[in-house]
Amino acid sequence: MSQCIRQPAFFFSLKRIHILASVLVFGGKMYSLKKNAIGIYEKAIPNSYDWATKIKIAKMAGFDFIEMSVDESDERLNRLYWSKEQRSYLRNLLFENDMYINSICLSGHRRFPFGSKDKEKQARAYDIMDRCISLARDLGVRNIQLAGYDVYYEESDEKTLADFVKGLKYSADQAMKAGVMLSIEIMDTHLCGTISRTLKYIEDVDSKWLNIYPDIGNLSQWTNEPEKELELGFKYIVGLHLKDTKPGIFKNVPFGEGTVNFEKLFNKINELGFVGPYLIEMWADNAVFETEEEVVERISAAKSWLSNKSKGAF
């Protein structure tokens, strides 16, 4: 006798499953996977504001996420030593406000690089990497952005470059254990100033856990053909920094006052089919007081300007 198998009440049709798969539930928010997420660099908001206020400002300005900074200052390096309670507090704060930290800009390796000939500094580089991966895992951060420097305050040579690659290989293995992506930023210095030069290190490490995070402002100063560079490394791109620059000036150039051809670059990015996150990189003037409303207005204006240039990509 054939049996009639009764489907349970919670059974979903394939169509309904497809609909549910098209969104991501993050902290109670139904987040559409069909649009490019847009984030703001933490340093765009004055240092005087605490995390609760930074999150509030980013939210009011219409951003989806914040990029956290772990730079070479003792203050921000100390984040790597946060307690479980401190990490839990920030993660809960993000959830409660439908906000997240998508990436960590780990520039602490500028002070403590893998390529350093000072063994104490080199050992610190490995410790920083381990601790940052742990922090990212605890906070739910998807990507750690690495500075493409073998050394910064020392002379570069074959040994520093070899040790840089060794450090990258170690980092990729550690990241794989935690399920956290690493990406090398296209930098303001020659070594990793273009995607083509950075690809050498991506290929040397040969790990799915190490990719590229282009800064189109930096890229535009190191090559006359940034569109070709984006095409060359497209399969490794996990996010894009948006920043204006001028020859020899890589920071604090107001949008529209630099030499980056945003229209041309966005056309190429759209042609390539990029649907990943964008991050607006800008800096607050911490010597000048800004109200919350003034910060919101400043970073909202940058987002609107770039959105127009991108034809509404975010």
C-alpha atoms as a PDB file:
ATOM      1  CA  MET A   1       0.000   0.000   0.000  1.00  0.00           C
ATOM      2  CA  SER A   2       1.391   3.363  -0.954  1.00  0.00           C
ATOM      3  CA  GLN A   3       1.786   5.876   1.834  1.00  0.00           C
ATOM      4  CA  CYS A   4       0.739   9.476   1.632  1.00  0.00           C
ATOM      5  CA  ILE A   5       3.575  11.588   3.036  1.00  0.00           C
ATOM      6  CA  ARG A   6       2.228  14.677   4.696  1.00  0.00           C
ATOM      7  CA  GLN A   7       4.410  17.746   4.445  1.00  0.00           C
ATOM      8  CA  PRO A   8       5.032  19.521   7.772  1.00  0.00           C
ATOM      9  CA  ALA A   9       3.403  22.882   8.401  1.00  0.00           C
ATOM     10  CA  PHE A  10       6.722  24.700   8.131  1.00  0.00           C
ATOM     11  CA  PHE A  11       7.441  23.393   4.627  1.00  0.00           C
ATOM     12  CA  PHE A  12       8.221  26.206   2.194  1.00  0.00           C
ATOM     13  CA  SER A  13       7.769  26.085  -1.545  1.00  0.00           C
ATOM     14  CA  LEU A  14      10.865  26.583  -3.668  1.00  0.00           C
ATOM     15  CA  LYS A  15       9.501  29.934  -4.733  1.00  0.00           C
ATOM     16  CA  ARG A  16       9.177  31.142  -1.143  1.00  0.00           C
ATOM     17  CA  ILE A  17      12.656  29.835  -0.311  1.00  0.00           C
ATOM     18  CA  HIS A  18      14.036  31.797  -3.266  1.00  0.00           C
ATOM     19  CA  ILE A  19      12.384  34.956  -1.971  1.00  0.00           C
ATOM     20  CA  LEU A  20      13.758  34.423   1.524  1.00  0.00           C
ATOM     21  CA  ALA A  21      17.238  33.789   0.137  1.00  0.00           C
ATOM     22  CA  SER A  22      17.226  37.192  -1.543  1.00  0.00           C
ATOM     23  CA  VAL A  23      17.500  39.030   1.760  1.00  0.00           C
ATOM     24  CA  LEU A  24      19.790  38.880   4.758  1.00  0.00           C
ATOM     25  CA  VAL A  25      18.457  39.271   8.267  1.00  0.00           C
ATOM     26  CA  PHE A  26      21.025  41.312  10.181  1.00  0.00           C
ATOM     27  CA  GLY A  27      20.124  42.564  13.616  1.00  0.00           C
ATOM     28  CA  GLY A  28      16.420  42.433  12.784  1.00  0.00           C
ATOM     29  CA  LYS A  29      16.874  44.397   9.573  1.00  0.00           C
ATOM     30  CA  MET A  30      15.828  42.915   6.245  1.00  0.00           C
ATOM     31  CA  TYR A  31      18.860  43.876   4.193  1.00  0.00           C
ATOM     32  CA  SER A  32      18.504  43.652   0.424  1.00  0.00           C
ATOM     33  CA  LEU A  33      21.287  41.775  -1.321  1.00  0.00           C
ATOM     34  CA  LYS A  34      20.402  43.443  -4.613  1.00  0.00           C
ATOM     35  CA  LYS A  35      22.077  46.761  -3.907  1.00  0.00           C
ATOM     36  CA  ASN A  36      25.637  47.896  -3.276  1.00  0.00           C
ATOM     37  CA  ALA A  37      26.155  48.592   0.414  1.00  0.00           C
ATOM     38  CA  ILE A  38      27.711  51.974   1.168  1.00  0.00           C
ATOM     39  CA  GLY A  39      29.869  52.568   4.214  1.00  0.00           C
ATOM     40  CA  ILE A  40      31.701  55.413   5.892  1.00  0.00           C
ATOM     41  CA  TYR A  41      35.206  55.371   7.323  1.00  0.00           C
ATOM     42  CA  GLU A  42      35.222  55.745  11.099  1.00  0.00           C
ATOM     43  CA  LYS A  43      37.732  58.614  10.878  1.00  0.00           C
ATOM     44  CA  ALA A  44      35.218  60.702   8.929  1.00  0.00           C
ATOM     45  CA  ILE A  45      33.489  61.189  12.286  1.00  0.00           C
ATOM     46  CA  PRO A  46      35.335  63.181  14.975  1.00  0.00           C
ATOM     47  CA  ASN A  47      37.304  61.167  17.521  1.00  0.00           C
ATOM     48  CA  SER A  48      35.460  62.947  20.340  1.00  0.00           C
ATOM     49  CA  TYR A  49      32.295  60.959  19.657  1.00  0.00           C
ATOM     50  CA  ASP A  50      31.793  57.553  21.245  1.00  0.00           C
ATOM     51  CA  TRP A  51      30.679  54.449  19.346  1.00  0.00           C
ATOM     52  CA  ALA A  52      26.997  54.975  20.112  1.00  0.00           C
ATOM     53  CA  THR A  53      27.147  58.465  18.584  1.00  0.00           C
ATOM     54  CA  LYS A  54      29.265  57.374  15.617  1.00  0.00           C
ATOM     55  CA  ILE A  55      26.712  54.699  14.801  1.00  0.00           C
ATOM     56  CA  LYS A  56      23.867  57.190  15.194  1.00  0.00           C
ATOM     57  CA  ILE A  57      25.585  59.685  12.859  1.00  0.00           C
ATOM     58  CA  ALA A  58      26.325  57.062  10.204  1.00  0.00           C
ATOM     59  CA  LYS A  59      22.735  55.851  10.355  1.00  0.00           C
ATOM     60  CA  MET A  60      21.290  59.356  10.084  1.00  0.00           C
ATOM     61  CA  ALA A  61      23.497  60.034   7.057  1.00  0.00           C
ATOM     62  CA  GLY A  62      22.103  56.988   5.267  1.00  0.00           C
ATOM     63  CA  PHE A  63      25.074  54.641   5.467  1.00  0.00           C
ATOM     64  CA  ASP A  64      24.791  50.864   5.747  1.00  0.00           C
ATOM     65  CA  PHE A  65      28.010  50.212   7.642  1.00  0.00           C
ATOM     66  CA  ILE A  66      31.123  51.683   9.237  1.00  0.00           C
ATOM     67  CA  GLU A  67      34.729  50.742   8.555  1.00  0.00           C
ATOM     68  CA  MET A  68      36.615  50.501  11.841  1.00  0.00           C
ATOM     69  CA  SER A  69      40.178  51.782  12.131  1.00  0.00           C
ATOM     70  CA  VAL A  70      42.944  49.913  13.939  1.00  0.00           C
ATOM     71  CA  ASP A  71      45.800  52.244  13.122  1.00  0.00           C
ATOM     72  CA  GLU A  72      49.285  52.634  14.582  1.00  0.00           C
ATOM     73  CA  SER A  73      48.188  54.786  17.541  1.00  0.00           C
ATOM     74  CA  ASP A  74      48.227  53.176  20.974  1.00  0.00           C
ATOM     75  CA  GLU A  75      44.591  54.174  21.442  1.00  0.00           C
ATOM     76  CA  ARG A  76      43.353  52.196  18.453  1.00  0.00           C
ATOM     77  CA  LEU A  77      45.819  49.308  18.840  1.00  0.00           C
ATOM     78  CA  ASN A  78      44.363  48.845  22.312  1.00  0.00           C
ATOM     79  CA  ARG A  79      41.113  47.779  20.650  1.00  0.00           C
ATOM     80  CA  LEU A  80      42.830  44.478  19.953  1.00  0.00           C
ATOM     81  CA  TYR A  81      42.852  43.888  23.716  1.00  0.00           C
ATOM     82  CA  TRP A  82      39.173  44.626  24.310  1.00  0.00           C
ATOM     83  CA  SER A  83      37.466  42.348  26.811  1.00  0.00           C
ATOM     84  CA  LYS A  84      34.615  40.031  25.947  1.00  0.00           C
ATOM     85  CA  GLU A  85      32.238  42.532  27.572  1.00  0.00           C
ATOM     86  CA  GLN A  86      33.539  45.429  25.457  1.00  0.00           C
ATOM     87  CA  ARG A  87      33.192  43.408  22.266  1.00  0.00           C
ATOM     88  CA  SER A  88      29.721  42.256  23.221  1.00  0.00           C
ATOM     89  CA  TYR A  89      28.677  45.843  23.999  1.00  0.00           C
ATOM     90  CA  LEU A  90      29.698  47.116  20.558  1.00  0.00           C
ATOM     91  CA  ARG A  91      28.196  44.175  18.709  1.00  0.00           C
ATOM     92  CA  ASN A  92      24.876  44.579  20.543  1.00  0.00           C
ATOM     93  CA  LEU A  93      24.955  48.318  19.901  1.00  0.00           C
ATOM     94  CA  LEU A  94      25.347  47.675  16.176  1.00  0.00           C
ATOM     95  CA  PHE A  95      22.505  45.137  16.145  1.00  0.00           C
ATOM     96  CA  GLU A  96      20.173  47.454  18.022  1.00  0.00           C
ATOM     97  CA  ASN A  97      20.757  50.206  15.456  1.00  0.00           C
ATOM     98  CA  ASP A  98      20.611  48.063  12.297  1.00  0.00           C
ATOM     99  CA  MET A  99      24.247  48.897  11.576  1.00  0.00           C
ATOM    100  CA  TYR A 100      27.358  46.762  11.141  1.00  0.00           C
ATOM    101  CA  ILE A 101      31.109  46.993  10.772  1.00  0.00           C
ATOM    102  CA  ASN A 102      31.865  45.458   7.402  1.00  0.00           C
ATOM    103  CA  SER A 103      35.627  45.912   7.481  1.00  0.00           C
ATOM    104  CA  ILE A 104      38.566  46.830   9.668  1.00  0.00           C
ATOM    105  CA  CYS A 105      41.261  49.087   8.231  1.00  0.00           C
ATOM    106  CA  LEU A 106      44.340  47.550   9.862  1.00  0.00           C
ATOM    107  CA  SER A 107      47.059  50.137   9.344  1.00  0.00           C
ATOM    108  CA  GLY A 108      48.795  49.277  12.617  1.00  0.00           C
ATOM    109  CA  HIS A 109      51.280  47.298  10.546  1.00  0.00           C
ATOM    110  CA  ARG A 110      52.751  50.585   9.390  1.00  0.00           C
ATOM    111  CA  ARG A 111      54.364  50.896  12.828  1.00  0.00           C
ATOM    112  CA  PHE A 112      54.865  47.163  13.315  1.00  0.00           C
ATOM    113  CA  PRO A 113      55.423  45.641   9.842  1.00  0.00           C
ATOM    114  CA  PHE A 114      56.005  42.029   8.865  1.00  0.00           C
ATOM    115  CA  GLY A 115      59.135  43.107   7.006  1.00  0.00           C
ATOM    116  CA  SER A 116      60.796  44.872   9.929  1.00  0.00           C
ATOM    117  CA  LYS A 117      64.385  43.915  10.730  1.00  0.00           C
ATOM    118  CA  ASP A 118      63.644  44.679  14.363  1.00  0.00           C
ATOM    119  CA  LYS A 119      62.594  41.247  15.614  1.00  0.00           C
ATOM    120  CA  GLU A 120      60.442  42.684  18.396  1.00  0.00           C
ATOM    121  CA  LYS A 121      58.504  44.799  15.907  1.00  0.00           C
ATOM    122  CA  GLN A 122      58.165  41.841  13.552  1.00  0.00           C
ATOM    123  CA  ALA A 123      56.866  39.626  16.371  1.00  0.00           C
ATOM    124  CA  ARG A 124      54.376  42.368  17.233  1.00  0.00           C
ATOM    125  CA  ALA A 125      53.158  42.337  13.610  1.00  0.00           C
ATOM    126  CA  TYR A 126      52.168  38.674  13.946  1.00  0.00           C
ATOM    127  CA  ASP A 127      50.521  39.290  17.303  1.00  0.00           C
ATOM    128  CA  ILE A 128      48.557  42.229  15.864  1.00  0.00           C
ATOM    129  CA  MET A 129      47.356  40.043  13.012  1.00  0.00           C
ATOM    130  CA  ASP A 130      46.157  37.269  15.304  1.00  0.00           C
ATOM    131  CA  ARG A 131      44.397  39.691  17.613  1.00  0.00           C
ATOM    132  CA  CYS A 132      42.732  41.567  14.751  1.00  0.00           C
ATOM    133  CA  ILE A 133      41.371  38.347  13.267  1.00  0.00           C
ATOM    134  CA  SER A 134      40.004  37.443  16.695  1.00  0.00           C
ATOM    135  CA  LEU A 135      38.427  40.898  17.068  1.00  0.00           C
ATOM    136  CA  ALA A 136      36.867  40.669  13.610  1.00  0.00           C
ATOM    137  CA  ARG A 137      35.435  37.255  14.390  1.00  0.00           C
ATOM    138  CA  ASP A 138      33.950  38.454  17.679  1.00  0.00           C
ATOM    139  CA  LEU A 139      32.399  41.569  16.115  1.00  0.00           C
ATOM    140  CA  GLY A 140      31.078  39.802  13.015  1.00  0.00           C
ATOM    141  CA  VAL A 141      33.392  41.771  10.711  1.00  0.00           C
ATOM    142  CA  ARG A 142      33.691  40.207   7.265  1.00  0.00           C
ATOM    143  CA  ASN A 143      36.926  41.702   5.983  1.00  0.00           C
ATOM    144  CA  ILE A 144      40.257  42.972   7.315  1.00  0.00           C
ATOM    145  CA  GLN A 145      41.990  45.430   5.040  1.00  0.00           C
ATOM    146  CA  LEU A 146      45.778  45.110   5.124  1.00  0.00           C
ATOM    147  CA  ALA A 147      48.240  47.902   4.403  1.00  0.00           C
ATOM    148  CA  GLY A 148      50.433  46.985   1.438  1.00  0.00           C
ATOM    149  CA  TYR A 149      53.748  47.894   3.082  1.00  0.00           C
ATOM    150  CA  ASP A 150      56.666  45.531   3.666  1.00  0.00           C
ATOM    151  CA  VAL A 151      58.093  48.343   5.807  1.00  0.00           C
ATOM    152  CA  TYR A 152      57.172  52.005   6.133  1.00  0.00           C
ATOM    153  CA  TYR A 153      59.690  53.697   8.411  1.00  0.00           C
ATOM    154  CA  GLU A 154      62.623  51.468   7.356  1.00  0.00           C
ATOM    155  CA  GLU A 155      64.469  50.847   4.095  1.00  0.00           C
ATOM    156  CA  SER A 156      62.898  48.189   1.872  1.00  0.00           C
ATOM    157  CA  ASP A 157      65.079  45.408   0.433  1.00  0.00           C
ATOM    158  CA  GLU A 158      64.843  41.760  -0.650  1.00  0.00           C
ATOM    159  CA  LYS A 159      64.734  40.560   2.956  1.00  0.00           C
ATOM    160  CA  THR A 160      61.920  42.904   4.003  1.00  0.00           C
ATOM    161  CA  LEU A 161      59.910  41.911   0.934  1.00  0.00           C
ATOM    162  CA  ALA A 162      60.441  38.193   1.577  1.00  0.00           C
ATOM    163  CA  ASP A 163      59.351  38.620   5.191  1.00  0.00           C
ATOM    164  CA  PHE A 164      56.303  40.583   4.011  1.00  0.00           C
ATOM    165  CA  VAL A 165      55.210  37.645   1.850  1.00  0.00           C
ATOM    166  CA  LYS A 166      55.879  35.242   4.720  1.00  0.00           C
ATOM    167  CA  GLY A 167      53.668  37.383   6.949  1.00  0.00           C
ATOM    168  CA  LEU A 168      50.906  37.483   4.346  1.00  0.00           C
ATOM    169  CA  LYS A 169      50.954  33.687   4.022  1.00  0.00           C
ATOM    170  CA  TYR A 170      50.710  33.306   7.782  1.00  0.00           C
ATOM    171  CA  SER A 171      47.866  35.843   7.906  1.00  0.00           C
ATOM    172  CA  ALA A 172      45.872  34.090   5.181  1.00  0.00           C
ATOM    173  CA  ASP A 173      46.146  30.766   7.003  1.00  0.00           C
ATOM    174  CA  GLN A 174      45.015  32.337  10.274  1.00  0.00           C
ATOM    175  CA  ALA A 175      42.134  34.111   8.535  1.00  0.00           C
ATOM    176  CA  MET A 176      41.004  30.849   6.972  1.00  0.00           C
ATOM    177  CA  LYS A 177      40.713  29.293  10.436  1.00  0.00           C
ATOM    178  CA  ALA A 178      38.366  32.087  11.520  1.00  0.00           C
ATOM    179  CA  GLY A 179      36.470  32.458   8.241  1.00  0.00           C
ATOM    180  CA  VAL A 180      37.483  36.119   7.946  1.00  0.00           C
ATOM    181  CA  MET A 181      38.538  37.576   4.586  1.00  0.00           C
ATOM    182  CA  LEU A 182      41.765  39.572   4.191  1.00  0.00           C
ATOM    183  CA  SER A 183      42.387  42.102   1.440  1.00  0.00           C
ATOM    184  CA  ILE A 184      45.377  44.257   0.500  1.00  0.00           C
ATOM    185  CA  GLU A 185      44.557  47.912   0.002  1.00  0.00           C
ATOM    186  CA  ILE A 186      45.878  49.647  -3.102  1.00  0.00           C
ATOM    187  CA  MET A 187      48.154  52.078  -1.331  1.00  0.00           C
ATOM    188  CA  ASP A 188      49.608  55.572  -1.410  1.00  0.00           C
ATOM    189  CA  THR A 189      53.114  54.132  -1.917  1.00  0.00           C
ATOM    190  CA  HIS A 190      54.722  52.440  -4.913  1.00  0.00           C
ATOM    191  CA  LEU A 191      54.872  48.822  -3.685  1.00  0.00           C
ATOM    192  CA  CYS A 192      51.122  48.157  -3.799  1.00  0.00           C
ATOM    193  CA  GLY A 193      50.083  51.347  -5.562  1.00  0.00           C
ATOM    194  CA  THR A 194      48.520  49.483  -8.484  1.00  0.00           C
ATOM    195  CA  ILE A 195      46.493  46.316  -8.810  1.00  0.00           C
ATOM    196  CA  SER A 196      49.022  44.817 -11.216  1.00  0.00           C
ATOM    197  CA  ARG A 197      51.841  45.199  -8.675  1.00  0.00           C
ATOM    198  CA  THR A 198      49.651  43.910  -5.840  1.00  0.00           C
ATOM    199  CA  LEU A 199      48.701  40.825  -7.846  1.00  0.00           C
ATOM    200  CA  LYS A 200      52.279  39.575  -7.451  1.00  0.00           C
ATOM    201  CA  TYR A 201      51.689  39.161  -3.721  1.00  0.00           C
ATOM    202  CA  ILE A 202      48.215  37.720  -4.197  1.00  0.00           C
ATOM    203  CA  GLU A 203      49.684  35.097  -6.519  1.00  0.00           C
ATOM    204  CA  ASP A 204      52.656  34.407  -4.223  1.00  0.00           C
ATOM    205  CA  VAL A 205      50.341  33.704  -1.286  1.00  0.00           C
ATOM    206  CA  ASP A 206      47.782  31.866  -3.439  1.00  0.00           C
ATOM    207  CA  SER A 207      44.948  31.808  -0.909  1.00  0.00           C
ATOM    208  CA  LYS A 208      41.238  32.386  -1.394  1.00  0.00           C
ATOM    209  CA  TRP A 209      41.373  34.271   1.895  1.00  0.00           C
ATOM    210  CA  LEU A 210      43.620  37.048   0.560  1.00  0.00           C
ATOM    211  CA  ASN A 211      42.190  39.427  -2.017  1.00  0.00           C
ATOM    212  CA  ILE A 212      42.342  43.095  -3.074  1.00  0.00           C
ATOM    213  CA  TYR A 213      40.583  46.220  -1.814  1.00  0.00           C
ATOM    214  CA  PRO A 214      41.306  49.009  -4.328  1.00  0.00           C
ATOM    215  CA  ASP A 215      41.317  52.633  -3.299  1.00  0.00           C
ATOM    216  CA  ILE A 216      40.409  54.306  -6.570  1.00  0.00           C
ATOM    217  CA  GLY A 217      41.943  57.583  -5.402  1.00  0.00           C
ATOM    218  CA  ASN A 218      45.328  55.980  -4.764  1.00  0.00           C
ATOM    219  CA  LEU A 219      45.069  53.880  -7.911  1.00  0.00           C
ATOM    220  CA  SER A 220      44.403  56.946 -10.049  1.00  0.00           C
ATOM    221  CA  GLN A 221      47.708  58.529  -8.982  1.00  0.00           C
ATOM    222  CA  TRP A 222      49.868  55.482  -9.758  1.00  0.00           C
ATOM    223  CA  THR A 223      48.565  54.662 -13.231  1.00  0.00           C
ATOM    224  CA  ASN A 224      47.142  56.518 -16.215  1.00  0.00           C
ATOM    225  CA  GLU A 225      44.810  53.598 -16.905  1.00  0.00           C
ATOM    226  CA  PRO A 226      42.978  52.796 -13.652  1.00  0.00           C
ATOM    227  CA  GLU A 227      40.066  51.278 -15.599  1.00  0.00           C
ATOM    228  CA  LYS A 228      42.367  48.621 -17.078  1.00  0.00           C
ATOM    229  CA  GLU A 229      43.769  47.932 -13.629  1.00  0.00           C
ATOM    230  CA  LEU A 230      40.269  47.327 -12.235  1.00  0.00           C
ATOM    231  CA  GLU A 231      39.540  44.933 -15.073  1.00  0.00           C
ATOM    232  CA  LEU A 232      42.840  43.123 -14.544  1.00  0.00           C
ATOM    233  CA  GLY A 233      42.175  42.337 -10.895  1.00  0.00           C
ATOM    234  CA  PHE A 234      38.392  42.261 -10.874  1.00  0.00           C
ATOM    235  CA  LYS A 235      38.032  38.662  -9.692  1.00  0.00           C
ATOM    236  CA  TYR A 236      40.007  39.532  -6.546  1.00  0.00           C
ATOM    237  CA  ILE A 237      38.157  42.750  -5.644  1.00  0.00           C
ATOM    238  CA  VAL A 238      36.105  42.477  -2.434  1.00  0.00           C
ATOM    239  CA  GLY A 239      35.332  46.165  -1.908  1.00  0.00           C
ATOM    240  CA  LEU A 240      36.134  49.635  -3.209  1.00  0.00           C
ATOM    241  CA  HIS A 241      37.370  52.730  -1.398  1.00  0.00           C
ATOM    242  CA  LEU A 242      36.063  55.995  -2.805  1.00  0.00           C
ATOM    243  CA  LYS A 243      38.407  58.954  -2.324  1.00  0.00           C
ATOM    244  CA  ASP A 244      39.554  61.941  -4.364  1.00  0.00           C
ATOM    245  CA  THR A 245      43.283  62.626  -4.735  1.00  0.00           C
ATOM    246  CA  LYS A 246      45.752  64.876  -6.519  1.00  0.00           C
ATOM    247  CA  PRO A 247      49.303  64.163  -7.720  1.00  0.00           C
ATOM    248  CA  GLY A 248      51.308  63.635  -4.541  1.00  0.00           C
ATOM    249  CA  ILE A 249      48.296  64.305  -2.281  1.00  0.00           C
ATOM    250  CA  PHE A 250      46.470  61.197  -1.079  1.00  0.00           C
ATOM    251  CA  LYS A 251      44.447  62.530   1.830  1.00  0.00           C
ATOM    252  CA  ASN A 252      41.881  65.242   2.618  1.00  0.00           C
ATOM    253  CA  VAL A 253      41.171  66.250  -0.980  1.00  0.00           C
ATOM    254  CA  PRO A 254      37.500  67.357  -1.148  1.00  0.00           C
ATOM    255  CA  PHE A 255      35.416  65.395  -3.630  1.00  0.00           C
ATOM    256  CA  GLY A 256      35.428  67.165  -6.981  1.00  0.00           C
ATOM    257  CA  GLU A 257      38.653  69.067  -6.303  1.00  0.00           C
ATOM    258  CA  GLY A 258      41.031  66.244  -7.206  1.00  0.00           C
ATOM    259  CA  THR A 259      41.975  64.541 -10.454  1.00  0.00           C
ATOM    260  CA  VAL A 260      40.077  61.238 -10.059  1.00  0.00           C
ATOM    261  CA  ASN A 261      37.768  60.675 -13.028  1.00  0.00           C
ATOM    262  CA  PHE A 262      34.842  59.237 -11.073  1.00  0.00           C
ATOM    263  CA  GLU A 263      32.434  59.064 -14.027  1.00  0.00           C
ATOM    264  CA  LYS A 264      34.836  57.000 -16.110  1.00  0.00           C
ATOM    265  CA  LEU A 265      35.733  54.721 -13.207  1.00  0.00           C
ATOM    266  CA  PHE A 266      32.121  54.119 -12.188  1.00  0.00           C
ATOM    267  CA  ASN A 267      31.260  53.304 -15.801  1.00  0.00           C
ATOM    268  CA  LYS A 268      33.989  50.639 -15.811  1.00  0.00           C
ATOM    269  CA  ILE A 269      32.947  49.338 -12.377  1.00  0.00           C
ATOM    270  CA  ASN A 270      29.335  49.022 -13.539  1.00  0.00           C
ATOM    271  CA  GLU A 271      30.455  47.388 -16.790  1.00  0.00           C
ATOM    272  CA  LEU A 272      32.406  44.801 -14.794  1.00  0.00           C
ATOM    273  CA  GLY A 273      29.289  44.018 -12.773  1.00  0.00           C
ATOM    274  CA  PHE A 274      30.607  44.940  -9.351  1.00  0.00           C
ATOM    275  CA  VAL A 275      27.899  44.482  -6.700  1.00  0.00           C
ATOM    276  CA  GLY A 276      30.089  44.568  -3.587  1.00  0.00           C
ATOM    277  CA  PRO A 277      30.438  47.230  -0.898  1.00  0.00           C
ATOM    278  CA  TYR A 278      31.681  50.779  -1.402  1.00  0.00           C
ATOM    279  CA  LEU A 279      33.427  52.709   1.365  1.00  0.00           C
ATOM    280  CA  ILE A 280      33.756  56.493   1.416  1.00  0.00           C
ATOM    281  CA  GLU A 281      37.146  57.365   2.866  1.00  0.00           C
ATOM    282  CA  MET A 282      37.336  60.827   4.364  1.00  0.00           C
ATOM    283  CA  TRP A 283      38.638  62.410   7.533  1.00  0.00           C
ATOM    284  CA  ALA A 284      37.203  64.744  10.135  1.00  0.00           C
ATOM    285  CA  ASP A 285      39.221  67.743  11.269  1.00  0.00           C
ATOM    286  CA  ASN A 286      39.614  66.828  14.933  1.00  0.00           C
ATOM    287  CA  ALA A 287      40.945  70.301  15.731  1.00  0.00           C
ATOM    288  CA  VAL A 288      37.533  71.782  14.895  1.00  0.00           C
ATOM    289  CA  PHE A 289      34.349  71.043  16.832  1.00  0.00           C
ATOM    290  CA  GLU A 290      31.424  69.740  14.775  1.00  0.00           C
ATOM    291  CA  THR A 291      27.938  69.083  16.038  1.00  0.00           C
ATOM    292  CA  GLU A 292      26.307  65.777  15.205  1.00  0.00           C
ATOM    293  CA  GLU A 293      24.125  67.549  12.664  1.00  0.00           C
ATOM    294  CA  GLU A 294      27.135  69.128  10.968  1.00  0.00           C
ATOM    295  CA  VAL A 295      28.878  65.775  10.664  1.00  0.00           C
ATOM    296  CA  VAL A 296      25.747  64.203   9.199  1.00  0.00           C
ATOM    297  CA  GLU A 297      25.482  67.028   6.682  1.00  0.00           C
ATOM    298  CA  ARG A 298      29.151  66.748   5.659  1.00  0.00           C
ATOM    299  CA  ILE A 299      29.245  62.989   5.113  1.00  0.00           C
ATOM    300  CA  SER A 300      25.750  62.940   3.551  1.00  0.00           C
ATOM    301  CA  ALA A 301      26.884  65.518   0.997  1.00  0.00           C
ATOM    302  CA  ALA A 302      29.856  63.331   0.040  1.00  0.00           C
ATOM    303  CA  LYS A 303      27.576  60.310  -0.352  1.00  0.00           C
ATOM    304  CA  SER A 304      25.125  62.248  -2.525  1.00  0.00           C
ATOM    305  CA  TRP A 305      27.911  63.611  -4.727  1.00  0.00           C
ATOM    306  CA  LEU A 306      29.362  60.153  -5.296  1.00  0.00           C
ATOM    307  CA  SER A 307      25.948  58.556  -5.800  1.00  0.00           C
ATOM    308  CA  ASN A 308      25.267  61.020  -8.618  1.00  0.00           C
ATOM    309  CA  LYS A 309      28.615  60.209 -10.225  1.00  0.00           C
ATOM    310  CA  SER A 310      27.853  56.482  -9.977  1.00  0.00           C
ATOM    311  CA  LYS A 311      24.366  56.884 -11.474  1.00  0.00           C
ATOM    312  CA  GLY A 312      22.765  55.651  -8.279  1.00  0.00           C
ATOM    313  CA  ALA A 313      24.913  52.606  -7.531  1.00  0.00           C
ATOM    314  CA  PHE A 314      24.138  53.128  -3.837  1.00  0.00           C
END
